[in-house]
């Protein structure tokens, strides 16, 4: 997804799990993706979203570009998984 859509992506995921995403969450992202690398196992930025269920969103920049890869981990049921997939398709 485009780097411009990261905040919208996190806000929407947060709404699905009842987490109140706010300005402090956005501040935590400032500069966090600069040194990430989606081709490196340890090159991802992990961010917890403490809702129901609690999730960890991992983000990393594609090498040499502005495209951001995202992974969402946690106890994700089929309905939530479908929502995430649709969201990624839209963004």
PDB file of N, CA and C in Angstrom:
ATOM      1  N   UNK A   1       0.842  -1.165   0.000  1.00  0.00           N
ATOM      2  CA  UNK A   1       0.000   0.000   0.000  1.00  0.00           C
ATOM      3  C   UNK A   1       0.888   1.228   0.000  1.00  0.00           C
ATOM      4  N   UNK A   2       0.318   2.314  -0.425  1.00  0.00           N
ATOM      5  CA  UNK A   2       1.048   3.574  -0.447  1.00  0.00           C
ATOM      6  C   UNK A   2       1.302   4.058   0.983  1.00  0.00           C
ATOM      7  N   UNK A   3       2.444   4.686   1.180  1.00  0.00           N
ATOM      8  CA  UNK A   3       2.784   5.226   2.491  1.00  0.00           C
ATOM      9  C   UNK A   3       1.727   6.234   2.969  1.00  0.00           C
ATOM     10  N   UNK A   4       1.101   6.915   2.031  1.00  0.00           N
ATOM     11  CA  UNK A   4       0.065   7.893   2.363  1.00  0.00           C
ATOM     12  C   UNK A   4      -1.162   7.261   3.023  1.00  0.00           C
ATOM     13  N   UNK A   5      -1.331   5.953   2.881  1.00  0.00           N
ATOM     14  CA  UNK A   5      -2.513   5.273   3.415  1.00  0.00           C
ATOM     15  C   UNK A   5      -2.292   4.547   4.740  1.00  0.00           C
ATOM     16  N   UNK A   6      -1.101   4.642   5.296  1.00  0.00           N
ATOM     17  CA  UNK A   6      -0.784   3.911   6.531  1.00  0.00           C
ATOM     18  C   UNK A   6      -1.701   4.321   7.675  1.00  0.00           C
ATOM     19  N   UNK A   7      -1.870   5.607   7.897  1.00  0.00           N
ATOM     20  CA  UNK A   7      -2.703   6.061   9.015  1.00  0.00           C
ATOM     21  C   UNK A   7      -4.143   5.601   8.820  1.00  0.00           C
ATOM     22  N   UNK A   8      -4.659   5.744   7.622  1.00  0.00           N
ATOM     23  CA  UNK A   8      -6.026   5.294   7.353  1.00  0.00           C
ATOM     24  C   UNK A   8      -6.164   3.789   7.598  1.00  0.00           C
ATOM     25  N   UNK A   9      -5.170   3.020   7.176  1.00  0.00           N
ATOM     26  CA  UNK A   9      -5.149   1.580   7.392  1.00  0.00           C
ATOM     27  C   UNK A   9      -5.204   1.247   8.882  1.00  0.00           C
ATOM     28  N   UNK A  10      -4.351   1.890   9.671  1.00  0.00           N
ATOM     29  CA  UNK A  10      -4.317   1.621  11.112  1.00  0.00           C
ATOM     30  C   UNK A  10      -5.584   2.095  11.817  1.00  0.00           C
ATOM     31  N   UNK A  11      -6.121   3.227  11.397  1.00  0.00           N
ATOM     32  CA  UNK A  11      -7.376   3.712  11.988  1.00  0.00           C
ATOM     33  C   UNK A  11      -8.511   2.726  11.736  1.00  0.00           C
ATOM     34  N   UNK A  12      -8.595   2.204  10.523  1.00  0.00           N
ATOM     35  CA  UNK A  12      -9.678   1.282  10.176  1.00  0.00           C
ATOM     36  C   UNK A  12      -9.528  -0.039  10.926  1.00  0.00           C
ATOM     37  N   UNK A  13      -8.331  -0.589  10.965  1.00  0.00           N
ATOM     38  CA  UNK A  13      -8.107  -1.830  11.711  1.00  0.00           C
ATOM     39  C   UNK A  13      -8.468  -1.621  13.178  1.00  0.00           C
ATOM     40  N   UNK A  14      -8.056  -0.493  13.723  1.00  0.00           N
ATOM     41  CA  UNK A  14      -8.355  -0.181  15.125  1.00  0.00           C
ATOM     42  C   UNK A  14      -9.857  -0.142  15.367  1.00  0.00           C
ATOM     43  N   UNK A  15     -10.602   0.427  14.435  1.00  0.00           N
ATOM     44  CA  UNK A  15     -12.056   0.492  14.610  1.00  0.00           C
ATOM     45  C   UNK A  15     -12.680  -0.897  14.600  1.00  0.00           C
ATOM     46  N   UNK A  16     -12.103  -1.821  13.845  1.00  0.00           N
ATOM     47  CA  UNK A  16     -12.623  -3.193  13.795  1.00  0.00           C
ATOM     48  C   UNK A  16     -12.475  -3.913  15.134  1.00  0.00           C
ATOM     49  N   UNK A  17     -11.454  -3.532  15.913  1.00  0.00           N
ATOM     50  CA  UNK A  17     -11.188  -4.248  17.169  1.00  0.00           C
ATOM     51  C   UNK A  17     -11.486  -3.411  18.409  1.00  0.00           C
ATOM     52  N   UNK A  18     -12.075  -2.241  18.213  1.00  0.00           N
ATOM     53  CA  UNK A  18     -12.456  -1.401  19.346  1.00  0.00           C
ATOM     54  C   UNK A  18     -11.300  -0.679  20.011  1.00  0.00           C
ATOM     55  N   UNK A  19     -10.236  -0.416  19.273  1.00  0.00           N
ATOM     56  CA  UNK A  19      -9.087   0.311  19.796  1.00  0.00           C
ATOM     57  C   UNK A  19      -9.213   1.767  19.376  1.00  0.00           C
ATOM     58  N   UNK A  20      -8.971   2.695  20.292  1.00  0.00           N
ATOM     59  CA  UNK A  20      -9.094   4.120  20.016  1.00  0.00           C
ATOM     60  C   UNK A  20      -7.767   4.669  19.490  1.00  0.00           C
ATOM     61  N   UNK A  21      -7.569   4.574  18.184  1.00  0.00           N
ATOM     62  CA  UNK A  21      -6.357   5.073  17.533  1.00  0.00           C
ATOM     63  C   UNK A  21      -6.374   6.597  17.586  1.00  0.00           C
ATOM     64  N   UNK A  22      -5.272   7.216  18.038  1.00  0.00           N
ATOM     65  CA  UNK A  22      -5.274   8.666  18.195  1.00  0.00           C
ATOM     66  C   UNK A  22      -3.937   9.286  17.784  1.00  0.00           C
ATOM     67  N   UNK A  23      -3.767  10.544  18.116  1.00  0.00           N
ATOM     68  CA  UNK A  23      -2.567  11.293  17.723  1.00  0.00           C
ATOM     69  C   UNK A  23      -1.290  10.693  18.310  1.00  0.00           C
ATOM     70  N   UNK A  24      -1.360  10.089  19.482  1.00  0.00           N
ATOM     71  CA  UNK A  24      -0.169   9.460  20.059  1.00  0.00           C
ATOM     72  C   UNK A  24       0.284   8.269  19.228  1.00  0.00           C
ATOM     73  N   UNK A  25      -0.683   7.542  18.677  1.00  0.00           N
ATOM     74  CA  UNK A  25      -0.340   6.427  17.790  1.00  0.00           C
ATOM     75  C   UNK A  25       0.354   6.954  16.530  1.00  0.00           C
ATOM     76  N   UNK A  26      -0.181   8.028  15.986  1.00  0.00           N
ATOM     77  CA  UNK A  26       0.444   8.626  14.802  1.00  0.00           C
ATOM     78  C   UNK A  26       1.858   9.107  15.113  1.00  0.00           C
ATOM     79  N   UNK A  27       2.050   9.689  16.283  1.00  0.00           N
ATOM     80  CA  UNK A  27       3.377  10.172  16.680  1.00  0.00           C
ATOM     81  C   UNK A  27       4.375   9.013  16.764  1.00  0.00           C
ATOM     82  N   UNK A  28       3.901   7.847  17.192  1.00  0.00           N
ATOM     83  CA  UNK A  28       4.782   6.677  17.296  1.00  0.00           C
ATOM     84  C   UNK A  28       5.292   6.238  15.924  1.00  0.00           C
ATOM     85  N   UNK A  29       4.562   6.569  14.883  1.00  0.00           N
ATOM     86  CA  UNK A  29       4.965   6.194  13.525  1.00  0.00           C
ATOM     87  C   UNK A  29       5.999   7.135  12.925  1.00  0.00           C
ATOM     88  N   UNK A  30       6.137   8.322  13.489  1.00  0.00           N
ATOM     89  CA  UNK A  30       7.043   9.328  12.935  1.00  0.00           C
ATOM     90  C   UNK A  30       8.467   8.778  12.860  1.00  0.00           C
ATOM     91  N   UNK A  31       8.949   8.639  11.656  1.00  0.00           N
ATOM     92  CA  UNK A  31      10.305   8.143  11.430  1.00  0.00           C
ATOM     93  C   UNK A  31      10.480   6.645  11.586  1.00  0.00           C
ATOM     94  N   UNK A  32       9.452   5.935  12.037  1.00  0.00           N
ATOM     95  CA  UNK A  32       9.585   4.501  12.322  1.00  0.00           C
ATOM     96  C   UNK A  32       9.812   3.651  11.078  1.00  0.00           C
ATOM     97  N   UNK A  33       9.338   4.099   9.948  1.00  0.00           N
ATOM     98  CA  UNK A  33       9.446   3.286   8.740  1.00  0.00           C
ATOM     99  C   UNK A  33      10.689   3.584   7.910  1.00  0.00           C
ATOM    100  N   UNK A  34      11.440   4.599   8.300  1.00  0.00           N
ATOM    101  CA  UNK A  34      12.608   5.027   7.521  1.00  0.00           C
ATOM    102  C   UNK A  34      13.646   3.920   7.321  1.00  0.00           C
ATOM    103  N   UNK A  35      13.919   3.152   8.341  1.00  0.00           N
ATOM    104  CA  UNK A  35      14.974   2.138   8.247  1.00  0.00           C
ATOM    105  C   UNK A  35      14.420   0.722   8.100  1.00  0.00           C
ATOM    106  N   UNK A  36      13.157   0.604   7.726  1.00  0.00           N
ATOM    107  CA  UNK A  36      12.580  -0.733   7.568  1.00  0.00           C
ATOM    108  C   UNK A  36      12.924  -1.300   6.191  1.00  0.00           C
ATOM    109  N   UNK A  37      12.792  -2.610   6.076  1.00  0.00           N
ATOM    110  CA  UNK A  37      13.111  -3.315   4.836  1.00  0.00           C
ATOM    111  C   UNK A  37      12.256  -4.571   4.773  1.00  0.00           C
ATOM    112  N   UNK A  38      11.321  -4.619   3.827  1.00  0.00           N
ATOM    113  CA  UNK A  38      10.403  -5.764   3.766  1.00  0.00           C
ATOM    114  C   UNK A  38      11.061  -7.053   3.286  1.00  0.00           C
ATOM    115  N   UNK A  39      12.309  -6.982   2.869  1.00  0.00           N
ATOM    116  CA  UNK A  39      13.028  -8.182   2.455  1.00  0.00           C
ATOM    117  C   UNK A  39      13.887  -8.766   3.570  1.00  0.00           C
ATOM    118  N   UNK A  40      13.914  -8.107   4.715  1.00  0.00           N
ATOM    119  CA  UNK A  40      14.716  -8.552   5.851  1.00  0.00           C
ATOM    120  C   UNK A  40      13.792  -9.024   6.976  1.00  0.00           C
ATOM    121  N   UNK A  41      14.084 -10.181   7.540  1.00  0.00           N
ATOM    122  CA  UNK A  41      13.250 -10.729   8.609  1.00  0.00           C
ATOM    123  C   UNK A  41      13.188  -9.810   9.827  1.00  0.00           C
ATOM    124  N   UNK A  42      14.275  -9.111  10.115  1.00  0.00           N
ATOM    125  CA  UNK A  42      14.286  -8.220  11.279  1.00  0.00           C
ATOM    126  C   UNK A  42      14.183  -6.742  10.877  1.00  0.00           C
ATOM    127  N   UNK A  43      13.725  -6.481   9.656  1.00  0.00           N
ATOM    128  CA  UNK A  43      13.620  -5.119   9.168  1.00  0.00           C
ATOM    129  C   UNK A  43      12.225  -4.520   9.256  1.00  0.00           C
ATOM    130  N   UNK A  44      11.361  -5.114  10.073  1.00  0.00           N
ATOM    131  CA  UNK A  44       9.970  -4.671  10.169  1.00  0.00           C
ATOM    132  C   UNK A  44       9.738  -3.873  11.444  1.00  0.00           C
ATOM    133  N   UNK A  45       8.841  -2.891  11.366  1.00  0.00           N
ATOM    134  CA  UNK A  45       8.396  -2.115  12.523  1.00  0.00           C
ATOM    135  C   UNK A  45       7.111  -2.763  13.028  1.00  0.00           C
ATOM    136  N   UNK A  46       7.108  -3.171  14.299  1.00  0.00           N
ATOM    137  CA  UNK A  46       5.943  -3.829  14.898  1.00  0.00           C
ATOM    138  C   UNK A  46       5.223  -2.858  15.809  1.00  0.00           C
ATOM    139  N   UNK A  47       3.899  -2.803  15.655  1.00  0.00           N
ATOM    140  CA  UNK A  47       3.099  -1.882  16.459  1.00  0.00           C
ATOM    141  C   UNK A  47       1.887  -2.608  17.020  1.00  0.00           C
ATOM    142  N   UNK A  48       1.722  -2.584  18.360  1.00  0.00           N
ATOM    143  CA  UNK A  48       0.574  -3.271  18.968  1.00  0.00           C
ATOM    144  C   UNK A  48      -0.688  -2.405  18.907  1.00  0.00           C
ATOM    145  N   UNK A  49      -1.806  -3.042  18.638  1.00  0.00           N
ATOM    146  CA  UNK A  49      -3.119  -2.415  18.743  1.00  0.00           C
ATOM    147  C   UNK A  49      -3.891  -3.221  19.785  1.00  0.00           C
ATOM    148  N   UNK A  50      -4.109  -2.623  20.943  1.00  0.00           N
ATOM    149  CA  UNK A  50      -4.669  -3.354  22.075  1.00  0.00           C
ATOM    150  C   UNK A  50      -6.189  -3.210  22.069  1.00  0.00           C
ATOM    151  N   UNK A  51      -6.819  -4.075  21.315  1.00  0.00           N
ATOM    152  CA  UNK A  51      -8.270  -4.116  21.237  1.00  0.00           C
ATOM    153  C   UNK A  51      -8.732  -5.538  21.479  1.00  0.00           C
ATOM    154  N   UNK A  52      -9.882  -5.883  20.932  1.00  0.00           N
ATOM    155  CA  UNK A  52     -10.403  -7.242  21.053  1.00  0.00           C
ATOM    156  C   UNK A  52     -10.629  -7.783  19.655  1.00  0.00           C
ATOM    157  N   UNK A  53      -9.750  -8.663  19.195  1.00  0.00           N
ATOM    158  CA  UNK A  53      -8.572  -9.214  19.854  1.00  0.00           C
ATOM    159  C   UNK A  53      -7.383  -8.252  19.754  1.00  0.00           C
ATOM    160  N   UNK A  54      -6.395  -8.415  20.644  1.00  0.00           N
ATOM    161  CA  UNK A  54      -5.174  -7.617  20.513  1.00  0.00           C
ATOM    162  C   UNK A  54      -4.424  -8.067  19.248  1.00  0.00           C
ATOM    163  N   UNK A  55      -3.886  -7.098  18.524  1.00  0.00           N
ATOM    164  CA  UNK A  55      -3.182  -7.397  17.279  1.00  0.00           C
ATOM    165  C   UNK A  55      -1.811  -6.735  17.275  1.00  0.00           C
ATOM    166  N   UNK A  56      -0.933  -7.274  16.463  1.00  0.00           N
ATOM    167  CA  UNK A  56       0.339  -6.623  16.172  1.00  0.00           C
ATOM    168  C   UNK A  56       0.384  -6.386  14.679  1.00  0.00           C
ATOM    169  N   UNK A  57       0.576  -5.138  14.305  1.00  0.00           N
ATOM    170  CA  UNK A  57       0.700  -4.774  12.897  1.00  0.00           C
ATOM    171  C   UNK A  57       2.183  -4.555  12.618  1.00  0.00           C
ATOM    172  N   UNK A  58       2.691  -5.252  11.617  1.00  0.00           N
ATOM    173  CA  UNK A  58       4.088  -5.119  11.205  1.00  0.00           C
ATOM    174  C   UNK A  58       4.118  -4.396   9.869  1.00  0.00           C
ATOM    175  N   UNK A  59       4.969  -3.381   9.783  1.00  0.00           N
ATOM    176  CA  UNK A  59       5.072  -2.552   8.586  1.00  0.00           C
ATOM    177  C   UNK A  59       6.520  -2.469   8.131  1.00  0.00           C
ATOM    178  N   UNK A  60       6.723  -2.462   6.816  1.00  0.00           N
ATOM    179  CA  UNK A  60       8.076  -2.309   6.271  1.00  0.00           C
ATOM    180  C   UNK A  60       8.001  -1.733   4.867  1.00  0.00           C
ATOM    181  N   UNK A  61       8.973  -0.920   4.565  1.00  0.00           N
ATOM    182  CA  UNK A  61       9.063  -0.271   3.250  1.00  0.00           C
ATOM    183  C   UNK A  61       9.715  -1.226   2.251  1.00  0.00           C
ATOM    184  N   UNK A  62       9.189  -1.225   1.030  1.00  0.00           N
ATOM    185  CA  UNK A  62       9.831  -1.964  -0.053  1.00  0.00           C
ATOM    186  C   UNK A  62      11.151  -1.264  -0.383  1.00  0.00           C
ATOM    187  N   UNK A  63      12.166  -2.035  -0.634  1.00  0.00           N
ATOM    188  CA  UNK A  63      13.481  -1.481  -0.921  1.00  0.00           C
ATOM    189  C   UNK A  63      13.401  -0.547  -2.133  1.00  0.00           C
ATOM    190  N   UNK A  64      13.879   0.676  -1.934  1.00  0.00           N
ATOM    191  CA  UNK A  64      13.942   1.647  -3.007  1.00  0.00           C
ATOM    192  C   UNK A  64      12.619   2.256  -3.426  1.00  0.00           C
ATOM    193  N   UNK A  65      11.586   2.142  -2.596  1.00  0.00           N
ATOM    194  CA  UNK A  65      10.288   2.674  -2.999  1.00  0.00           C
ATOM    195  C   UNK A  65       9.506   3.265  -1.854  1.00  0.00           C
ATOM    196  N   UNK A  66       8.266   3.638  -2.159  1.00  0.00           N
ATOM    197  CA  UNK A  66       7.399   4.205  -1.127  1.00  0.00           C
ATOM    198  C   UNK A  66       6.229   3.279  -0.813  1.00  0.00           C
ATOM    199  N   UNK A  67       6.278   2.066  -1.342  1.00  0.00           N
ATOM    200  CA  UNK A  67       5.236   1.082  -1.050  1.00  0.00           C
ATOM    201  C   UNK A  67       5.551   0.435   0.295  1.00  0.00           C
ATOM    202  N   UNK A  68       4.500   0.310   1.130  1.00  0.00           N
ATOM    203  CA  UNK A  68       4.646  -0.279   2.458  1.00  0.00           C
ATOM    204  C   UNK A  68       3.954  -1.638   2.487  1.00  0.00           C
ATOM    205  N   UNK A  69       4.672  -2.628   2.957  1.00  0.00           N
ATOM    206  CA  UNK A  69       4.085  -3.954   3.168  1.00  0.00           C
ATOM    207  C   UNK A  69       3.554  -4.011   4.585  1.00  0.00           C
ATOM    208  N   UNK A  70       2.457  -4.751   4.772  1.00  0.00           N
ATOM    209  CA  UNK A  70       1.843  -4.851   6.099  1.00  0.00           C
ATOM    210  C   UNK A  70       1.490  -6.296   6.394  1.00  0.00           C
ATOM    211  N   UNK A  71       1.666  -6.657   7.668  1.00  0.00           N
ATOM    212  CA  UNK A  71       1.232  -7.959   8.183  1.00  0.00           C
ATOM    213  C   UNK A  71       0.457  -7.695   9.463  1.00  0.00           C
ATOM    214  N   UNK A  72      -0.611  -8.427   9.663  1.00  0.00           N
ATOM    215  CA  UNK A  72      -1.409  -8.294  10.879  1.00  0.00           C
ATOM    216  C   UNK A  72      -1.432  -9.658  11.552  1.00  0.00           C
ATOM    217  N   UNK A  73      -1.033  -9.692  12.841  1.00  0.00           N
ATOM    218  CA  UNK A  73      -0.980 -10.956  13.577  1.00  0.00           C
ATOM    219  C   UNK A  73      -1.803 -10.867  14.844  1.00  0.00           C
ATOM    220  N   UNK A  74      -2.382 -11.974  15.220  1.00  0.00           N
ATOM    221  CA  UNK A  74      -3.202 -12.069  16.418  1.00  0.00           C
ATOM    222  C   UNK A  74      -4.241 -13.146  16.195  1.00  0.00           C
ATOM    223  N   UNK A  75      -5.194 -13.228  17.095  1.00  0.00           N
ATOM    224  CA  UNK A  75      -6.276 -14.206  16.960  1.00  0.00           C
ATOM    225  C   UNK A  75      -7.337 -13.621  16.031  1.00  0.00           C
ATOM    226  N   UNK A  76      -7.163 -13.877  14.754  1.00  0.00           N
ATOM    227  CA  UNK A  76      -8.005 -13.278  13.726  1.00  0.00           C
ATOM    228  C   UNK A  76      -8.989 -14.323  13.207  1.00  0.00           C
ATOM    229  N   UNK A  77     -10.278 -14.031  13.393  1.00  0.00           N
ATOM    230  CA  UNK A  77     -11.301 -14.957  12.896  1.00  0.00           C
ATOM    231  C   UNK A  77     -11.527 -14.704  11.401  1.00  0.00           C
ATOM    232  N   UNK A  78     -12.264 -15.580  10.732  1.00  0.00           N
ATOM    233  CA  UNK A  78     -12.458 -15.427   9.279  1.00  0.00           C
ATOM    234  C   UNK A  78     -13.121 -14.101   8.869  1.00  0.00           C
ATOM    235  N   UNK A  79     -14.038 -13.590   9.667  1.00  0.00           N
ATOM    236  CA  UNK A  79     -14.695 -12.321   9.337  1.00  0.00           C
ATOM    237  C   UNK A  79     -13.693 -11.172   9.389  1.00  0.00           C
ATOM    238  N   UNK A  80     -12.892 -11.133  10.446  1.00  0.00           N
ATOM    239  CA  UNK A  80     -11.884 -10.083  10.579  1.00  0.00           C
ATOM    240  C   UNK A  80     -10.839 -10.199   9.468  1.00  0.00           C
ATOM    241  N   UNK A  81     -10.448 -11.413   9.136  1.00  0.00           N
ATOM    242  CA  UNK A  81      -9.482 -11.624   8.055  1.00  0.00           C
ATOM    243  C   UNK A  81     -10.031 -11.091   6.733  1.00  0.00           C
ATOM    244  N   UNK A  82     -11.297 -11.331   6.464  1.00  0.00           N
ATOM    245  CA  UNK A  82     -11.912 -10.837   5.228  1.00  0.00           C
ATOM    246  C   UNK A  82     -11.941  -9.308   5.211  1.00  0.00           C
ATOM    247  N   UNK A  83     -12.213  -8.705   6.351  1.00  0.00           N
ATOM    248  CA  UNK A  83     -12.196  -7.241   6.428  1.00  0.00           C
ATOM    249  C   UNK A  83     -10.807  -6.686   6.124  1.00  0.00           C
ATOM    250  N   UNK A  84      -9.775  -7.312   6.700  1.00  0.00           N
ATOM    251  CA  UNK A  84      -8.405  -6.858   6.460  1.00  0.00           C
ATOM    252  C   UNK A  84      -8.034  -6.986   4.989  1.00  0.00           C
ATOM    253  N   UNK A  85      -8.376  -8.115   4.394  1.00  0.00           N
ATOM    254  CA  UNK A  85      -8.058  -8.335   2.990  1.00  0.00           C
ATOM    255  C   UNK A  85      -8.750  -7.308   2.102  1.00  0.00           C
ATOM    256  N   UNK A  86     -10.013  -7.026   2.397  1.00  0.00           N
ATOM    257  CA  UNK A  86     -10.755  -6.026   1.626  1.00  0.00           C
ATOM    258  C   UNK A  86     -10.135  -4.660   1.792  1.00  0.00           C
ATOM    259  N   UNK A  87      -9.764  -4.315   3.018  1.00  0.00           N
ATOM    260  CA  UNK A  87      -9.139  -3.026   3.290  1.00  0.00           C
ATOM    261  C   UNK A  87      -7.841  -2.875   2.504  1.00  0.00           C
ATOM    262  N   UNK A  88      -7.025  -3.909   2.503  1.00  0.00           N
ATOM    263  CA  UNK A  88      -5.765  -3.852   1.749  1.00  0.00           C
ATOM    264  C   UNK A  88      -6.013  -3.720   0.257  1.00  0.00           C
ATOM    265  N   UNK A  89      -7.049  -4.390  -0.245  1.00  0.00           N
ATOM    266  CA  UNK A  89      -7.386  -4.267  -1.657  1.00  0.00           C
ATOM    267  C   UNK A  89      -7.795  -2.835  -2.013  1.00  0.00           C
ATOM    268  N   UNK A  90      -8.504  -2.173  -1.099  1.00  0.00           N
ATOM    269  CA  UNK A  90      -8.972  -0.831  -1.358  1.00  0.00           C
ATOM    270  C   UNK A  90      -7.875   0.219  -1.268  1.00  0.00           C
ATOM    271  N   UNK A  91      -6.899  -0.036  -0.390  1.00  0.00           N
ATOM    272  CA  UNK A  91      -5.826   0.939  -0.186  1.00  0.00           C
ATOM    273  C   UNK A  91      -4.668   0.637  -1.109  1.00  0.00           C
TER     274      UNK A  91
END
